[in-house]
Amino acid sequence: MVGSAIVRALRHDDDVELVVRSRSELDLARQEEVEAFFRDERIDEVHVAAARVGGISANDRLPADFIRENLAIACNLVGAAHDAGIDRLLFLGSSCVYPRLAPQPIPEEALLTGPLEPTNEPYAIAKIAGLKLCEAFRRQHGRRYRSLMPTNLYGPGDNFSLEDGHVLPALLRRFHEAAASGAEEVVVWGTGSPLREFMHVDDLAAACRTVMALPDERWDTVMTGINHLNVGTGEDCSIRHLVDEIVALTGYAGRIRYDSAKPDGTPRKLLDVSRIRALGWAPGIPLREGLRTTYAWYRDREGDASRPLRGVLGDRG
């Protein structure tokens, strides 16, 4: 999803030549393949959007897969880029890198100040390692490696799996299917009370372009005392509110039951985005409009929509 959005954003730049590979052509978790790729291609700039991702259920069932693959991807890409002499790289982390009970909105300085949310700790640790890797290459080698911490993302190319998808696409699919079948009841995990911030993936792609175009002196001024930059909308909503919006969008008319025996995850996760706003970037896609266009994209492809989409370098689904 993220890699595809970045490709859409960069495709119209006349001075950009995109280099893409499918996963069948390049497995980013295999060090020798990544090193050979960077040796063979003349690359000036790398966007690391790659990750093994999933919702609470997937993280709970597959903790070893999540930490192992995401550590490998970060180490392979950042290390091979440096070895190939590439000076410009953007690493994308996740807002789950912050402590479970971080102050709200979450400032960049909150990193490593408290325990992580247990349901996605392996994934978060791998992402923290990736941004620290970029920091270390900047300090030791002077590389222009920058890190962004996006909030919860959604949009075209998302994973609509009911088992492994994140909350927003999984709910869109669940209520779409319930409306189509006339189901009497839909069960939603948790209490519905957690607050979440959602950003359309095309807004993230625009933020990536803004950040990578910044002169070093401008970046260094904003980044005083920190090594990564939050990117989000600055607004959140409850899961119940999200469900209400999706119910209205899909036309579902049955009952909704919240299963409080299932985990809620972090109570609230809203990013402080004052620094990136100071750089002149702001999101442009409101949640309701983003939900509408994402749902339209899903309906156009619902026959295949449960399968994660692949095919862009840096996007493993």
Protein backbone atom coordinates (compact mmCIF):
# COMPACT_ATOMS: atom_id res chain seq x y z
CA MET A 1 0.00 0.00 0.00
CA VAL A 2 2.64 2.53 1.06
CA GLY A 3 5.14 1.66 -1.65
CA SER A 4 2.43 1.98 -4.30
CA ALA A 5 1.41 5.41 -2.97
CA ILE A 6 4.99 6.66 -3.08
CA VAL A 7 5.32 5.42 -6.66
CA ARG A 8 2.10 7.29 -7.59
CA ALA A 9 3.47 10.47 -6.02
CA LEU A 10 6.86 10.26 -7.75
CA ARG A 11 5.73 8.99 -11.14
CA HIS A 12 4.90 12.48 -12.41
CA ASP A 13 8.30 14.01 -11.56
CA ASP A 14 10.29 14.47 -14.76
CA ASP A 15 13.63 14.18 -12.94
CA VAL A 16 12.78 10.86 -11.24
CA GLU A 17 13.45 7.42 -12.73
CA LEU A 18 11.69 4.79 -10.63
CA VAL A 19 13.31 1.41 -10.01
CA VAL A 20 10.77 -1.22 -8.94
CA ARG A 21 10.83 -4.96 -8.35
CA SER A 22 8.16 -7.46 -7.39
CA ARG A 23 8.73 -9.71 -4.39
CA SER A 24 9.28 -12.66 -6.73
CA GLU A 25 12.15 -10.68 -8.28
CA LEU A 26 13.66 -9.37 -5.03
CA ASP A 27 13.12 -10.71 -1.50
CA LEU A 28 14.10 -7.87 0.83
CA ALA A 29 14.59 -10.29 3.75
CA ARG A 30 17.51 -11.97 1.91
CA GLN A 31 20.74 -10.07 2.41
CA GLU A 32 22.56 -11.39 -0.65
CA GLU A 33 19.68 -10.47 -2.98
CA VAL A 34 19.49 -6.92 -1.62
CA GLU A 35 23.24 -6.39 -1.84
CA ALA A 36 23.30 -7.64 -5.45
CA PHE A 37 20.40 -5.36 -6.36
CA PHE A 38 22.17 -2.25 -5.08
CA ARG A 39 25.41 -3.28 -6.76
CA ASP A 40 23.71 -3.74 -10.13
CA GLU A 41 21.47 -0.66 -10.13
CA ARG A 42 22.49 3.00 -10.10
CA ILE A 43 20.36 4.29 -7.23
CA ASP A 44 20.47 7.82 -5.81
CA GLU A 45 17.66 7.68 -3.24
CA VAL A 46 15.85 4.92 -1.34
CA HIS A 47 12.41 4.97 0.31
CA VAL A 48 12.10 2.09 2.80
CA ALA A 49 8.35 1.42 2.96
CA ALA A 50 8.84 -2.32 3.38
CA ALA A 51 7.37 -4.20 6.32
CA ARG A 52 5.62 -7.36 7.44
CA VAL A 53 2.43 -5.77 8.76
CA GLY A 54 -0.90 -6.81 10.27
CA GLY A 55 -3.48 -6.07 12.93
CA ILE A 56 -3.69 -7.20 16.56
CA SER A 57 -4.60 -10.78 15.65
CA ALA A 58 -1.67 -11.24 13.25
CA ASN A 59 0.80 -9.66 15.66
CA ASP A 60 -0.41 -11.90 18.48
CA ARG A 61 -0.20 -15.11 16.39
CA LEU A 62 3.08 -14.43 14.58
CA PRO A 63 5.45 -12.47 16.87
CA ALA A 64 8.58 -14.28 15.66
CA ASP A 65 7.70 -13.64 12.00
CA PHE A 66 7.07 -9.95 12.65
CA ILE A 67 10.30 -9.23 14.49
CA ARG A 68 12.49 -11.45 12.33
CA GLU A 69 11.32 -10.21 8.92
CA ASN A 70 11.17 -6.54 9.86
CA LEU A 71 14.63 -6.59 11.44
CA ALA A 72 16.01 -8.29 8.33
CA ILE A 73 14.38 -5.79 5.95
CA ALA A 74 15.71 -2.78 7.86
CA CYS A 75 19.24 -4.14 8.26
CA ASN A 76 19.48 -5.34 4.67
CA LEU A 77 18.18 -2.20 3.00
CA VAL A 78 19.91 0.42 5.14
CA GLY A 79 23.21 -1.50 5.27
CA ALA A 80 23.28 -2.28 1.54
CA ALA A 81 22.40 1.33 0.66
CA HIS A 82 25.37 2.55 2.69
CA ASP A 83 27.72 -0.05 1.20
CA ALA A 84 26.63 1.03 -2.30
CA GLY A 85 27.44 4.66 -1.51
CA ILE A 86 23.83 5.86 -1.49
CA ASP A 87 23.62 9.06 0.55
CA ARG A 88 19.84 9.68 0.64
CA LEU A 89 17.40 7.28 2.30
CA LEU A 90 14.00 7.59 3.96
CA PHE A 91 12.95 4.99 6.55
CA LEU A 92 9.28 4.66 7.45
CA GLY A 93 8.47 3.44 10.94
CA SER A 94 5.15 3.32 12.76
CA SER A 95 3.45 5.14 15.62
CA CYS A 96 3.48 1.85 17.57
CA VAL A 97 7.15 2.55 18.38
CA TYR A 98 5.96 4.79 21.21
CA PRO A 99 5.16 3.62 24.76
CA ARG A 100 1.69 2.26 25.40
CA LEU A 101 0.90 5.06 27.85
CA ALA A 102 2.80 7.87 26.13
CA PRO A 103 1.61 11.46 26.65
CA GLN A 104 -1.05 12.57 24.17
CA PRO A 105 -0.51 13.89 21.55
CA ILE A 106 2.71 11.87 21.36
CA PRO A 107 5.86 13.98 20.85
CA GLU A 108 8.91 12.55 19.12
CA GLU A 109 10.78 12.75 22.44
CA ALA A 110 8.52 10.03 23.93
CA LEU A 111 10.46 7.28 22.15
CA LEU A 112 11.94 4.71 24.59
CA THR A 113 10.46 6.42 27.66
CA GLY A 114 8.20 3.53 28.73
CA PRO A 115 6.90 0.00 28.02
CA LEU A 116 5.48 -0.77 24.58
CA GLU A 117 1.98 -2.07 23.83
CA PRO A 118 2.36 -5.87 24.32
CA THR A 119 0.13 -6.79 21.35
CA ASN A 120 2.57 -5.35 18.80
CA GLU A 121 5.86 -5.21 20.72
CA PRO A 122 7.88 -7.42 18.29
CA TYR A 123 6.92 -5.24 15.31
CA ALA A 124 7.61 -2.03 17.26
CA ILE A 125 11.05 -3.21 18.40
CA ALA A 126 12.03 -3.98 14.80
CA LYS A 127 10.90 -0.53 13.67
CA ILE A 128 12.78 1.15 16.53
CA ALA A 129 15.88 -0.74 15.46
CA GLY A 130 15.44 0.54 11.91
CA LEU A 131 15.23 4.20 12.87
CA LYS A 132 18.17 3.80 15.25
CA LEU A 133 20.11 2.20 12.40
CA CYS A 134 19.51 5.31 10.28
CA GLU A 135 20.54 7.50 13.20
CA ALA A 136 23.76 5.53 13.62
CA PHE A 137 24.70 5.84 9.94
CA ARG A 138 24.10 9.60 10.14
CA ARG A 139 26.31 9.93 13.21
CA GLN A 140 29.14 7.64 12.10
CA HIS A 141 29.16 8.17 8.34
CA GLY A 142 27.32 11.44 7.77
CA ARG A 143 24.64 9.78 5.65
CA ARG A 144 21.50 11.78 4.90
CA TYR A 145 19.22 9.05 6.24
CA ARG A 146 15.89 10.39 7.52
CA SER A 147 13.04 8.67 9.40
CA LEU A 148 9.30 9.31 9.44
CA MET A 149 6.87 7.81 11.96
CA PRO A 150 3.43 7.62 10.27
CA THR A 151 0.18 7.21 12.14
CA ASN A 152 -2.35 4.47 11.19
CA LEU A 153 -2.63 4.38 7.40
CA TYR A 154 -5.33 3.26 4.99
CA GLY A 155 -6.17 3.59 1.31
CA PRO A 156 -5.85 1.83 -2.07
CA GLY A 157 -3.80 -1.35 -1.91
CA ASP A 158 -4.58 -2.02 1.75
CA ASN A 159 -4.91 -5.55 3.14
CA PHE A 160 -8.62 -6.26 3.63
CA SER A 161 -8.07 -9.65 5.25
CA LEU A 162 -10.41 -10.33 8.17
CA GLU A 163 -7.64 -12.24 9.97
CA ASP A 164 -4.52 -10.18 9.29
CA GLY A 165 -5.73 -6.73 8.21
CA HIS A 166 -5.63 -3.56 10.27
CA VAL A 167 -8.80 -2.31 11.91
CA LEU A 168 -10.07 0.08 9.22
CA PRO A 169 -9.84 -2.15 6.11
CA ALA A 170 -10.97 -5.22 8.06
CA LEU A 171 -14.06 -3.35 9.30
CA LEU A 172 -14.81 -2.05 5.80
CA ARG A 173 -14.79 -5.58 4.43
CA ARG A 174 -16.73 -7.06 7.35
CA PHE A 175 -19.59 -4.55 7.12
CA HIS A 176 -19.61 -4.67 3.31
CA GLU A 177 -20.08 -8.44 3.40
CA ALA A 178 -22.62 -8.21 6.23
CA ALA A 179 -24.67 -5.67 4.29
CA ALA A 180 -24.51 -7.79 1.14
CA SER A 181 -25.59 -10.98 2.94
CA GLY A 182 -28.18 -9.35 5.20
CA ALA A 183 -26.39 -10.53 8.37
CA GLU A 184 -28.31 -9.85 11.56
CA GLU A 185 -25.23 -9.09 13.66
CA VAL A 186 -21.60 -8.00 13.29
CA VAL A 187 -19.13 -8.53 16.14
CA VAL A 188 -16.39 -5.94 16.62
CA TRP A 189 -13.32 -6.73 18.72
CA GLY A 190 -12.90 -4.75 21.95
CA THR A 191 -15.02 -2.11 23.59
CA GLY A 192 -14.92 0.44 20.80
CA SER A 193 -13.47 3.06 23.15
CA PRO A 194 -9.82 3.24 21.96
CA LEU A 195 -8.95 6.42 20.08
CA ARG A 196 -7.07 6.15 16.81
CA GLU A 197 -5.69 8.56 14.25
CA PHE A 198 -6.17 7.55 10.60
CA MET A 199 -4.36 9.06 7.61
CA HIS A 200 -4.83 8.34 3.91
CA VAL A 201 -1.72 6.77 2.38
CA ASP A 202 -1.55 9.41 -0.38
CA ASP A 203 -1.08 12.06 2.32
CA LEU A 204 1.88 10.08 3.64
CA ALA A 205 3.37 9.92 0.14
CA ALA A 206 3.10 13.70 -0.12
CA ALA A 207 4.83 14.04 3.26
CA CYS A 208 7.66 11.79 2.04
CA ARG A 209 8.23 14.06 -0.94
CA THR A 210 8.23 17.14 1.29
CA VAL A 211 10.74 15.67 3.74
CA MET A 212 13.15 14.35 1.12
CA ALA A 213 13.15 17.69 -0.73
CA LEU A 214 14.21 19.62 2.38
CA PRO A 215 17.70 21.15 2.37
CA ASP A 216 19.93 19.73 5.10
CA GLU A 217 20.01 22.98 7.05
CA ARG A 218 16.19 23.15 7.20
CA TRP A 219 15.93 19.50 8.30
CA ASP A 220 18.62 19.96 10.95
CA THR A 221 16.86 23.02 12.39
CA VAL A 222 13.58 21.16 12.90
CA MET A 223 15.25 17.97 14.11
CA THR A 224 17.14 19.47 17.04
CA GLY A 225 17.24 16.87 19.83
CA ILE A 226 15.35 14.16 17.89
CA ASN A 227 16.13 11.69 15.11
CA HIS A 228 12.73 10.99 13.54
CA LEU A 229 9.66 12.99 12.56
CA ASN A 230 5.98 12.24 13.23
CA VAL A 231 3.51 12.43 10.36
CA GLY A 232 -0.24 12.29 10.88
CA THR A 233 -3.46 14.29 10.78
CA GLY A 234 -3.35 15.61 14.34
CA GLU A 235 -6.93 14.35 14.89
CA ASP A 236 -8.29 11.07 16.23
CA CYS A 237 -11.61 9.29 16.67
CA SER A 238 -12.94 6.34 18.65
CA ILE A 239 -13.32 2.92 17.07
CA ARG A 240 -17.07 3.29 17.68
CA HIS A 241 -17.09 6.49 15.63
CA LEU A 242 -15.16 4.73 12.87
CA VAL A 243 -17.70 1.88 12.92
CA ASP A 244 -20.57 4.39 12.66
CA GLU A 245 -18.97 6.00 9.61
CA ILE A 246 -18.43 2.60 7.97
CA VAL A 247 -21.98 1.47 8.75
CA ALA A 248 -23.35 4.60 7.07
CA LEU A 249 -21.05 4.07 4.08
CA THR A 250 -21.85 0.38 3.54
CA GLY A 251 -25.54 0.59 4.37
CA TYR A 252 -25.43 -2.19 6.96
CA ALA A 253 -28.75 -2.36 8.88
CA GLY A 254 -28.19 -5.11 11.46
CA ARG A 255 -26.98 -5.18 15.07
CA ILE A 256 -23.43 -4.33 16.21
CA ARG A 257 -21.96 -6.15 19.21
CA TYR A 258 -18.67 -5.13 20.81
CA ASP A 259 -16.77 -8.10 22.26
CA SER A 260 -15.05 -6.71 25.34
CA ALA A 261 -13.27 -10.04 25.90
CA LYS A 262 -11.05 -9.20 22.92
CA PRO A 263 -8.10 -6.80 23.36
CA ASP A 264 -8.47 -3.09 22.75
CA GLY A 265 -4.75 -2.43 22.29
CA THR A 266 -3.31 0.97 23.18
CA PRO A 267 -6.01 3.23 24.72
CA ARG A 268 -5.06 6.25 22.61
CA LYS A 269 -2.46 6.89 19.93
CA LEU A 270 -2.43 10.45 18.58
CA LEU A 271 0.77 11.94 17.20
CA ASP A 272 2.09 15.43 17.84
CA VAL A 273 2.62 16.67 14.27
CA SER A 274 3.68 20.23 15.06
CA ARG A 275 7.19 19.75 13.69
CA ILE A 276 6.19 18.51 10.25
CA ARG A 277 3.46 21.17 10.08
CA ALA A 278 6.20 23.75 10.71
CA LEU A 279 7.92 22.46 7.56
CA GLY A 280 4.87 23.41 5.48
CA TRP A 281 3.21 20.01 5.08
CA ALA A 282 -0.42 19.29 6.01
CA PRO A 283 -2.77 16.39 5.17
CA GLY A 284 -5.35 17.04 2.49
CA ILE A 285 -7.77 14.07 2.62
CA PRO A 286 -10.47 14.12 5.37
CA LEU A 287 -11.38 10.76 6.93
CA ARG A 288 -14.90 10.62 5.50
CA GLU A 289 -13.67 11.33 1.96
CA GLY A 290 -10.80 8.87 2.37
CA LEU A 291 -13.18 6.16 3.55
CA ARG A 292 -15.45 6.78 0.58
CA THR A 293 -12.70 6.47 -2.04
CA THR A 294 -11.08 3.50 -0.28
CA TYR A 295 -14.41 1.68 -0.12
CA ALA A 296 -14.96 2.38 -3.83
CA TRP A 297 -11.51 0.93 -4.57
CA TYR A 298 -12.32 -2.17 -2.53
CA ARG A 299 -15.69 -2.73 -4.19
CA ASP A 300 -14.07 -2.53 -7.62
CA ARG A 301 -11.72 -5.36 -6.60
CA GLU A 302 -13.67 -7.31 -3.97
CA GLY A 303 -13.15 -10.59 -5.76
CA ASP A 304 -9.44 -10.37 -4.90
CA ALA A 305 -9.54 -7.94 -2.02
CA SER A 306 -8.79 -10.41 0.78
CA ARG A 307 -5.37 -11.08 -0.75
CA PRO A 308 -2.55 -8.62 0.15
CA LEU A 309 -1.37 -6.77 -2.94
CA ARG A 310 2.31 -6.88 -3.88
CA GLY A 311 4.51 -5.63 -6.67
CA VAL A 312 6.38 -2.47 -5.66
CA LEU A 313 9.92 -2.41 -4.33
CA GLY A 314 9.69 -1.67 -0.62
CA ASP A 315 6.13 -2.96 -0.14
CA ARG A 316 5.74 -6.55 1.11
CA GLY A 317 1.99 -6.25 1.66
